[in-house]
């Protein structure tokens, strides 16, 4: 399992993308803290909603960058985004309906996905952005 926290090793060298990633990790930290403190579902649900919304915003920003440079791996990268959005929206819906509770394994899944996506797909995108500049 990957550690679910921001580190400079995750920097892709693009200020906007790195700032977005830092914010996503801050939201994951808030979610974990709320779970550990046994906060009410309303608090955790609000953080989850914020996390889902910011993830969508971040992905849209990355996709704009990709379109602007004619990124060769756009379709595959966007497919990764679409898959995670579908997964987190399903998680959000199940949480709202009361069919699941948020757990450390949920937090770990999100963190692992984010770490892996940054290290593999976003690093590749950042190189293409730097080359296109």
N, C-alpha and C. Protein backbone atom coordinates (compact mmCIF):
# COMPACT_ATOMS: atom_id res chain seq x y z
N UNK A 1 0.84 -1.19 0.00
CA UNK A 1 0.00 0.00 0.00
C UNK A 1 0.88 1.24 0.00
N UNK A 2 0.52 2.20 -0.84
CA UNK A 2 1.25 3.45 -0.90
C UNK A 2 0.86 4.34 0.28
N UNK A 3 1.79 5.18 0.68
CA UNK A 3 1.48 6.17 1.70
C UNK A 3 0.62 7.23 1.04
N UNK A 4 -0.44 7.63 1.71
CA UNK A 4 -1.39 8.56 1.13
C UNK A 4 -1.08 9.96 1.64
N UNK A 5 -0.02 10.53 1.08
CA UNK A 5 0.32 11.90 1.41
C UNK A 5 1.16 12.49 0.28
N UNK A 6 1.09 13.81 0.16
CA UNK A 6 1.86 14.50 -0.86
C UNK A 6 3.33 14.48 -0.48
N UNK A 7 4.16 14.33 -1.47
CA UNK A 7 5.60 14.51 -1.29
C UNK A 7 6.13 15.13 -2.58
N UNK A 8 7.27 15.75 -2.50
CA UNK A 8 7.86 16.40 -3.68
C UNK A 8 8.16 15.39 -4.79
N UNK A 9 8.30 14.13 -4.43
CA UNK A 9 8.55 13.11 -5.47
C UNK A 9 7.35 12.98 -6.41
N UNK A 10 6.20 13.51 -6.00
CA UNK A 10 4.99 13.47 -6.83
C UNK A 10 4.84 14.71 -7.71
N UNK A 11 5.75 15.66 -7.57
CA UNK A 11 5.67 16.88 -8.38
C UNK A 11 5.91 16.54 -9.84
N UNK A 12 4.99 17.02 -10.68
CA UNK A 12 5.14 16.81 -12.12
C UNK A 12 5.82 18.01 -12.79
N UNK A 13 6.06 19.06 -12.01
CA UNK A 13 6.74 20.23 -12.55
C UNK A 13 5.83 21.24 -13.23
N UNK A 14 4.53 21.01 -13.19
CA UNK A 14 3.55 21.97 -13.72
C UNK A 14 2.82 22.53 -12.51
N UNK A 15 2.94 23.84 -12.31
CA UNK A 15 2.41 24.49 -11.11
C UNK A 15 0.93 24.19 -10.88
N UNK A 16 0.12 24.34 -11.93
CA UNK A 16 -1.33 24.13 -11.77
C UNK A 16 -1.66 22.68 -11.42
N UNK A 17 -1.04 21.76 -12.11
CA UNK A 17 -1.31 20.34 -11.84
C UNK A 17 -0.82 19.97 -10.45
N UNK A 18 0.39 20.43 -10.08
CA UNK A 18 0.90 20.13 -8.74
C UNK A 18 0.02 20.71 -7.65
N UNK A 19 -0.46 21.96 -7.85
CA UNK A 19 -1.36 22.56 -6.86
C UNK A 19 -2.64 21.74 -6.72
N UNK A 20 -3.18 21.29 -7.86
CA UNK A 20 -4.38 20.44 -7.81
C UNK A 20 -4.11 19.16 -7.04
N UNK A 21 -2.97 18.54 -7.33
CA UNK A 21 -2.64 17.29 -6.64
C UNK A 21 -2.49 17.51 -5.14
N UNK A 22 -1.84 18.60 -4.75
CA UNK A 22 -1.71 18.91 -3.31
C UNK A 22 -3.09 19.05 -2.67
N UNK A 23 -4.00 19.73 -3.36
CA UNK A 23 -5.36 19.91 -2.84
C UNK A 23 -6.08 18.56 -2.71
N UNK A 24 -5.91 17.68 -3.68
CA UNK A 24 -6.53 16.37 -3.59
C UNK A 24 -6.00 15.60 -2.39
N UNK A 25 -4.70 15.68 -2.14
CA UNK A 25 -4.13 15.02 -0.97
C UNK A 25 -4.64 15.66 0.33
N UNK A 26 -4.80 16.99 0.34
CA UNK A 26 -5.36 17.64 1.54
C UNK A 26 -6.77 17.14 1.81
N UNK A 27 -7.56 16.99 0.76
CA UNK A 27 -8.92 16.48 0.93
C UNK A 27 -8.91 15.03 1.43
N UNK A 28 -8.00 14.22 0.92
CA UNK A 28 -7.87 12.84 1.42
C UNK A 28 -7.47 12.85 2.89
N UNK A 29 -6.58 13.76 3.27
CA UNK A 29 -6.18 13.87 4.68
C UNK A 29 -7.37 14.24 5.56
N UNK A 30 -8.18 15.19 5.09
CA UNK A 30 -9.36 15.59 5.85
C UNK A 30 -10.34 14.42 5.99
N UNK A 31 -10.50 13.66 4.92
CA UNK A 31 -11.40 12.50 4.96
C UNK A 31 -10.90 11.48 5.98
N UNK A 32 -9.60 11.20 5.94
CA UNK A 32 -9.03 10.23 6.88
C UNK A 32 -9.19 10.72 8.32
N UNK A 33 -8.92 11.99 8.57
CA UNK A 33 -9.05 12.54 9.92
C UNK A 33 -10.49 12.44 10.41
N UNK A 34 -11.45 12.74 9.54
CA UNK A 34 -12.86 12.65 9.92
C UNK A 34 -13.24 11.21 10.25
N UNK A 35 -12.73 10.25 9.47
CA UNK A 35 -13.03 8.85 9.75
C UNK A 35 -12.42 8.43 11.08
N UNK A 36 -11.16 8.81 11.32
CA UNK A 36 -10.48 8.43 12.56
C UNK A 36 -11.16 9.03 13.79
N UNK A 37 -11.71 10.23 13.63
CA UNK A 37 -12.36 10.90 14.76
C UNK A 37 -13.81 10.48 14.92
N UNK A 38 -14.27 9.59 14.04
CA UNK A 38 -15.64 9.10 14.13
C UNK A 38 -16.66 10.20 13.89
N UNK A 39 -16.30 11.16 13.06
CA UNK A 39 -17.23 12.25 12.81
C UNK A 39 -18.46 11.75 12.08
N UNK A 40 -19.49 12.53 12.17
CA UNK A 40 -20.78 12.16 11.61
C UNK A 40 -20.69 11.96 10.10
N UNK A 41 -21.58 11.13 9.60
CA UNK A 41 -21.63 10.86 8.17
C UNK A 41 -21.80 12.15 7.36
N UNK A 42 -22.50 13.14 7.93
CA UNK A 42 -22.70 14.39 7.21
C UNK A 42 -21.36 15.08 6.96
N UNK A 43 -20.47 15.05 7.93
CA UNK A 43 -19.15 15.66 7.78
C UNK A 43 -18.35 14.89 6.73
N UNK A 44 -18.32 13.56 6.87
CA UNK A 44 -17.56 12.74 5.92
C UNK A 44 -18.17 12.85 4.52
N UNK A 45 -19.49 12.89 4.45
CA UNK A 45 -20.15 13.02 3.16
C UNK A 45 -19.82 14.34 2.48
N UNK A 46 -19.75 15.39 3.28
CA UNK A 46 -19.39 16.70 2.73
C UNK A 46 -17.97 16.71 2.17
N UNK A 47 -17.05 16.08 2.90
CA UNK A 47 -15.66 15.99 2.43
C UNK A 47 -15.60 15.14 1.16
N UNK A 48 -16.33 14.03 1.15
CA UNK A 48 -16.36 13.18 -0.04
C UNK A 48 -16.92 13.95 -1.23
N UNK A 49 -17.98 14.73 -1.01
CA UNK A 49 -18.55 15.54 -2.10
C UNK A 49 -17.52 16.52 -2.63
N UNK A 50 -16.78 17.16 -1.71
CA UNK A 50 -15.75 18.12 -2.11
C UNK A 50 -14.64 17.41 -2.89
N UNK A 51 -14.26 16.22 -2.43
CA UNK A 51 -13.23 15.44 -3.11
C UNK A 51 -13.67 15.06 -4.52
N UNK A 52 -14.90 14.61 -4.66
CA UNK A 52 -15.41 14.23 -5.99
C UNK A 52 -15.45 15.45 -6.90
N UNK A 53 -15.98 16.55 -6.40
CA UNK A 53 -16.07 17.77 -7.21
C UNK A 53 -14.71 18.29 -7.64
N UNK A 54 -13.75 18.28 -6.72
CA UNK A 54 -12.42 18.79 -7.07
C UNK A 54 -11.71 17.85 -8.04
N UNK A 55 -11.94 16.57 -7.89
CA UNK A 55 -11.36 15.60 -8.83
C UNK A 55 -11.85 15.86 -10.24
N UNK A 56 -13.14 16.10 -10.39
CA UNK A 56 -13.71 16.40 -11.71
C UNK A 56 -13.06 17.67 -12.27
N UNK A 57 -12.96 18.71 -11.45
CA UNK A 57 -12.35 19.97 -11.88
C UNK A 57 -10.90 19.75 -12.31
N UNK A 58 -10.15 19.01 -11.50
CA UNK A 58 -8.75 18.73 -11.82
C UNK A 58 -8.62 17.97 -13.14
N UNK A 59 -9.43 16.95 -13.32
CA UNK A 59 -9.36 16.17 -14.55
C UNK A 59 -9.70 17.03 -15.76
N UNK A 60 -10.67 17.90 -15.63
CA UNK A 60 -11.01 18.80 -16.73
C UNK A 60 -9.83 19.70 -17.08
N UNK A 61 -9.12 20.18 -16.06
CA UNK A 61 -7.95 21.02 -16.30
C UNK A 61 -6.87 20.24 -17.05
N UNK A 62 -6.58 19.03 -16.59
CA UNK A 62 -5.58 18.20 -17.28
C UNK A 62 -6.00 17.94 -18.73
N UNK A 63 -7.27 17.67 -18.93
CA UNK A 63 -7.75 17.36 -20.28
C UNK A 63 -7.67 18.59 -21.19
N UNK A 64 -7.84 19.78 -20.64
CA UNK A 64 -7.65 21.00 -21.43
C UNK A 64 -6.19 21.12 -21.86
N UNK A 65 -5.27 20.85 -20.94
CA UNK A 65 -3.85 20.87 -21.29
C UNK A 65 -3.57 19.87 -22.41
N UNK A 66 -4.12 18.67 -22.28
CA UNK A 66 -3.88 17.63 -23.28
C UNK A 66 -4.41 18.04 -24.65
N UNK A 67 -5.61 18.62 -24.68
CA UNK A 67 -6.18 19.06 -25.96
C UNK A 67 -5.32 20.16 -26.57
N UNK A 68 -4.87 21.08 -25.73
CA UNK A 68 -4.10 22.23 -26.22
C UNK A 68 -2.81 21.80 -26.93
N UNK A 69 -2.18 20.73 -26.44
CA UNK A 69 -0.92 20.30 -27.07
C UNK A 69 -1.10 19.13 -28.03
N UNK A 70 -2.34 18.68 -28.22
CA UNK A 70 -2.58 17.53 -29.09
C UNK A 70 -1.92 16.28 -28.54
N UNK A 71 -2.10 16.04 -27.25
CA UNK A 71 -1.44 14.95 -26.53
C UNK A 71 -1.78 13.59 -27.16
N UNK A 72 -0.77 12.85 -27.53
CA UNK A 72 -0.94 11.57 -28.24
C UNK A 72 -1.68 10.53 -27.40
N UNK A 73 -1.50 10.55 -26.09
CA UNK A 73 -2.14 9.55 -25.21
C UNK A 73 -3.42 10.08 -24.56
N UNK A 74 -4.02 11.08 -25.20
CA UNK A 74 -5.22 11.69 -24.63
C UNK A 74 -6.31 10.66 -24.31
N UNK A 75 -6.63 9.82 -25.26
CA UNK A 75 -7.75 8.88 -25.09
C UNK A 75 -7.52 7.94 -23.90
N UNK A 76 -6.32 7.40 -23.78
CA UNK A 76 -6.02 6.48 -22.67
C UNK A 76 -6.04 7.21 -21.33
N UNK A 77 -5.47 8.42 -21.30
CA UNK A 77 -5.42 9.19 -20.06
C UNK A 77 -6.83 9.59 -19.63
N UNK A 78 -7.63 10.04 -20.59
CA UNK A 78 -9.02 10.42 -20.28
C UNK A 78 -9.82 9.21 -19.82
N UNK A 79 -9.55 8.05 -20.40
CA UNK A 79 -10.25 6.83 -19.97
C UNK A 79 -9.95 6.52 -18.50
N UNK A 80 -8.71 6.75 -18.07
CA UNK A 80 -8.38 6.57 -16.65
C UNK A 80 -9.20 7.54 -15.80
N UNK A 81 -9.26 8.79 -16.24
CA UNK A 81 -10.05 9.78 -15.51
C UNK A 81 -11.52 9.36 -15.43
N UNK A 82 -12.07 8.97 -16.57
CA UNK A 82 -13.49 8.59 -16.61
C UNK A 82 -13.78 7.40 -15.70
N UNK A 83 -12.87 6.45 -15.67
CA UNK A 83 -13.07 5.27 -14.83
C UNK A 83 -13.08 5.65 -13.35
N UNK A 84 -12.12 6.49 -12.93
CA UNK A 84 -12.11 6.88 -11.52
C UNK A 84 -13.34 7.71 -11.17
N UNK A 85 -13.72 8.63 -12.04
CA UNK A 85 -14.92 9.43 -11.77
C UNK A 85 -16.13 8.53 -11.58
N UNK A 86 -16.28 7.55 -12.44
CA UNK A 86 -17.41 6.60 -12.30
C UNK A 86 -17.32 5.86 -10.97
N UNK A 87 -16.11 5.45 -10.58
CA UNK A 87 -15.93 4.72 -9.32
C UNK A 87 -16.26 5.59 -8.12
N UNK A 88 -15.77 6.83 -8.11
CA UNK A 88 -16.02 7.67 -6.94
C UNK A 88 -17.46 8.17 -6.90
N UNK A 89 -18.07 8.36 -8.05
CA UNK A 89 -19.49 8.74 -8.04
C UNK A 89 -20.35 7.59 -7.55
N UNK A 90 -19.98 6.36 -7.89
CA UNK A 90 -20.68 5.19 -7.38
C UNK A 90 -20.48 5.09 -5.86
N UNK A 91 -19.26 5.29 -5.40
CA UNK A 91 -18.96 5.29 -3.97
C UNK A 91 -19.79 6.36 -3.26
N UNK A 92 -19.84 7.54 -3.84
CA UNK A 92 -20.59 8.65 -3.28
C UNK A 92 -22.08 8.30 -3.19
N UNK A 93 -22.62 7.72 -4.24
CA UNK A 93 -24.05 7.36 -4.24
C UNK A 93 -24.34 6.28 -3.21
N UNK A 94 -23.47 5.28 -3.11
CA UNK A 94 -23.68 4.22 -2.12
C UNK A 94 -23.55 4.76 -0.71
N UNK A 95 -22.63 5.69 -0.49
CA UNK A 95 -22.49 6.30 0.83
C UNK A 95 -23.74 7.09 1.19
N UNK A 96 -24.23 7.89 0.24
CA UNK A 96 -25.44 8.69 0.47
C UNK A 96 -26.66 7.82 0.77
N UNK A 97 -26.73 6.67 0.11
CA UNK A 97 -27.88 5.79 0.31
C UNK A 97 -27.78 4.99 1.61
N UNK A 98 -26.60 5.03 2.23
CA UNK A 98 -26.41 4.30 3.47
C UNK A 98 -26.01 2.86 3.27
N UNK A 99 -25.74 2.45 2.04
CA UNK A 99 -25.39 1.05 1.79
C UNK A 99 -23.93 0.75 2.11
N UNK A 100 -23.11 1.80 2.25
CA UNK A 100 -21.72 1.60 2.67
C UNK A 100 -21.33 2.70 3.65
N UNK A 101 -20.28 2.45 4.39
CA UNK A 101 -19.66 3.48 5.21
C UNK A 101 -18.26 3.70 4.66
N UNK A 102 -17.74 4.88 4.91
CA UNK A 102 -16.38 5.16 4.48
C UNK A 102 -15.42 4.48 5.43
N UNK A 103 -14.35 3.95 4.88
CA UNK A 103 -13.39 3.22 5.70
C UNK A 103 -11.98 3.58 5.29
N UNK A 104 -11.04 3.14 6.09
CA UNK A 104 -9.63 3.37 5.78
C UNK A 104 -9.29 2.70 4.44
N UNK A 105 -9.92 1.57 4.13
CA UNK A 105 -9.63 0.92 2.85
C UNK A 105 -10.12 1.79 1.68
N UNK A 106 -11.22 2.51 1.86
CA UNK A 106 -11.70 3.44 0.84
C UNK A 106 -10.66 4.55 0.65
N UNK A 107 -10.21 5.09 1.75
CA UNK A 107 -9.19 6.14 1.72
C UNK A 107 -7.92 5.63 1.04
N UNK A 108 -7.51 4.42 1.39
CA UNK A 108 -6.29 3.84 0.81
C UNK A 108 -6.45 3.62 -0.69
N UNK A 109 -7.61 3.14 -1.12
CA UNK A 109 -7.88 2.96 -2.55
C UNK A 109 -7.69 4.28 -3.30
N UNK A 110 -8.30 5.34 -2.78
CA UNK A 110 -8.22 6.64 -3.44
C UNK A 110 -6.78 7.14 -3.48
N UNK A 111 -6.07 6.99 -2.37
CA UNK A 111 -4.68 7.42 -2.31
C UNK A 111 -3.78 6.61 -3.23
N UNK A 112 -3.98 5.30 -3.24
CA UNK A 112 -3.18 4.44 -4.12
C UNK A 112 -3.43 4.81 -5.58
N UNK A 113 -4.70 5.03 -5.93
CA UNK A 113 -5.01 5.40 -7.30
C UNK A 113 -4.33 6.71 -7.66
N UNK A 114 -4.43 7.70 -6.78
CA UNK A 114 -3.85 9.01 -7.06
C UNK A 114 -2.33 8.91 -7.20
N UNK A 115 -1.68 8.21 -6.28
CA UNK A 115 -0.22 8.03 -6.38
C UNK A 115 0.17 7.38 -7.71
N UNK A 116 -0.49 6.30 -8.04
CA UNK A 116 -0.17 5.55 -9.26
C UNK A 116 -0.42 6.41 -10.50
N UNK A 117 -1.54 7.09 -10.53
CA UNK A 117 -1.89 7.92 -11.68
C UNK A 117 -0.86 9.04 -11.87
N UNK A 118 -0.48 9.68 -10.78
CA UNK A 118 0.51 10.75 -10.88
C UNK A 118 1.84 10.20 -11.40
N UNK A 119 2.31 9.12 -10.78
CA UNK A 119 3.64 8.60 -11.10
C UNK A 119 3.71 8.03 -12.52
N UNK A 120 2.61 7.52 -13.02
CA UNK A 120 2.64 6.92 -14.35
C UNK A 120 2.10 7.88 -15.41
N UNK A 121 0.85 8.19 -15.35
CA UNK A 121 0.21 8.97 -16.42
C UNK A 121 0.53 10.46 -16.36
N UNK A 122 0.47 11.06 -15.18
CA UNK A 122 0.68 12.50 -15.10
C UNK A 122 2.13 12.90 -15.32
N UNK A 123 3.07 12.07 -14.91
CA UNK A 123 4.49 12.37 -15.18
C UNK A 123 4.74 12.37 -16.70
N UNK A 124 4.11 11.44 -17.39
CA UNK A 124 4.24 11.37 -18.84
C UNK A 124 3.61 12.61 -19.50
N UNK A 125 2.46 13.00 -19.00
CA UNK A 125 1.80 14.21 -19.50
C UNK A 125 2.67 15.43 -19.24
N UNK A 126 3.25 15.53 -18.07
CA UNK A 126 4.08 16.70 -17.72
C UNK A 126 5.28 16.82 -18.67
N UNK A 127 5.87 15.71 -19.04
CA UNK A 127 6.98 15.74 -20.01
C UNK A 127 6.50 16.28 -21.35
N UNK A 128 5.33 15.85 -21.77
CA UNK A 128 4.79 16.33 -23.05
C UNK A 128 4.47 17.82 -22.96
N UNK A 129 3.94 18.28 -21.82
CA UNK A 129 3.65 19.70 -21.65
C UNK A 129 4.92 20.52 -21.69
N UNK A 130 5.96 20.03 -21.03
CA UNK A 130 7.25 20.75 -21.01
C UNK A 130 7.85 20.81 -22.41
N UNK A 131 7.73 19.74 -23.16
CA UNK A 131 8.27 19.70 -24.52
C UNK A 131 7.52 20.65 -25.45
N UNK A 132 6.23 20.81 -25.19
CA UNK A 132 5.40 21.65 -26.05
C UNK A 132 5.54 23.13 -25.72
N UNK A 133 6.14 23.45 -24.59
CA UNK A 133 6.26 24.86 -24.15
C UNK A 133 7.26 25.63 -24.97
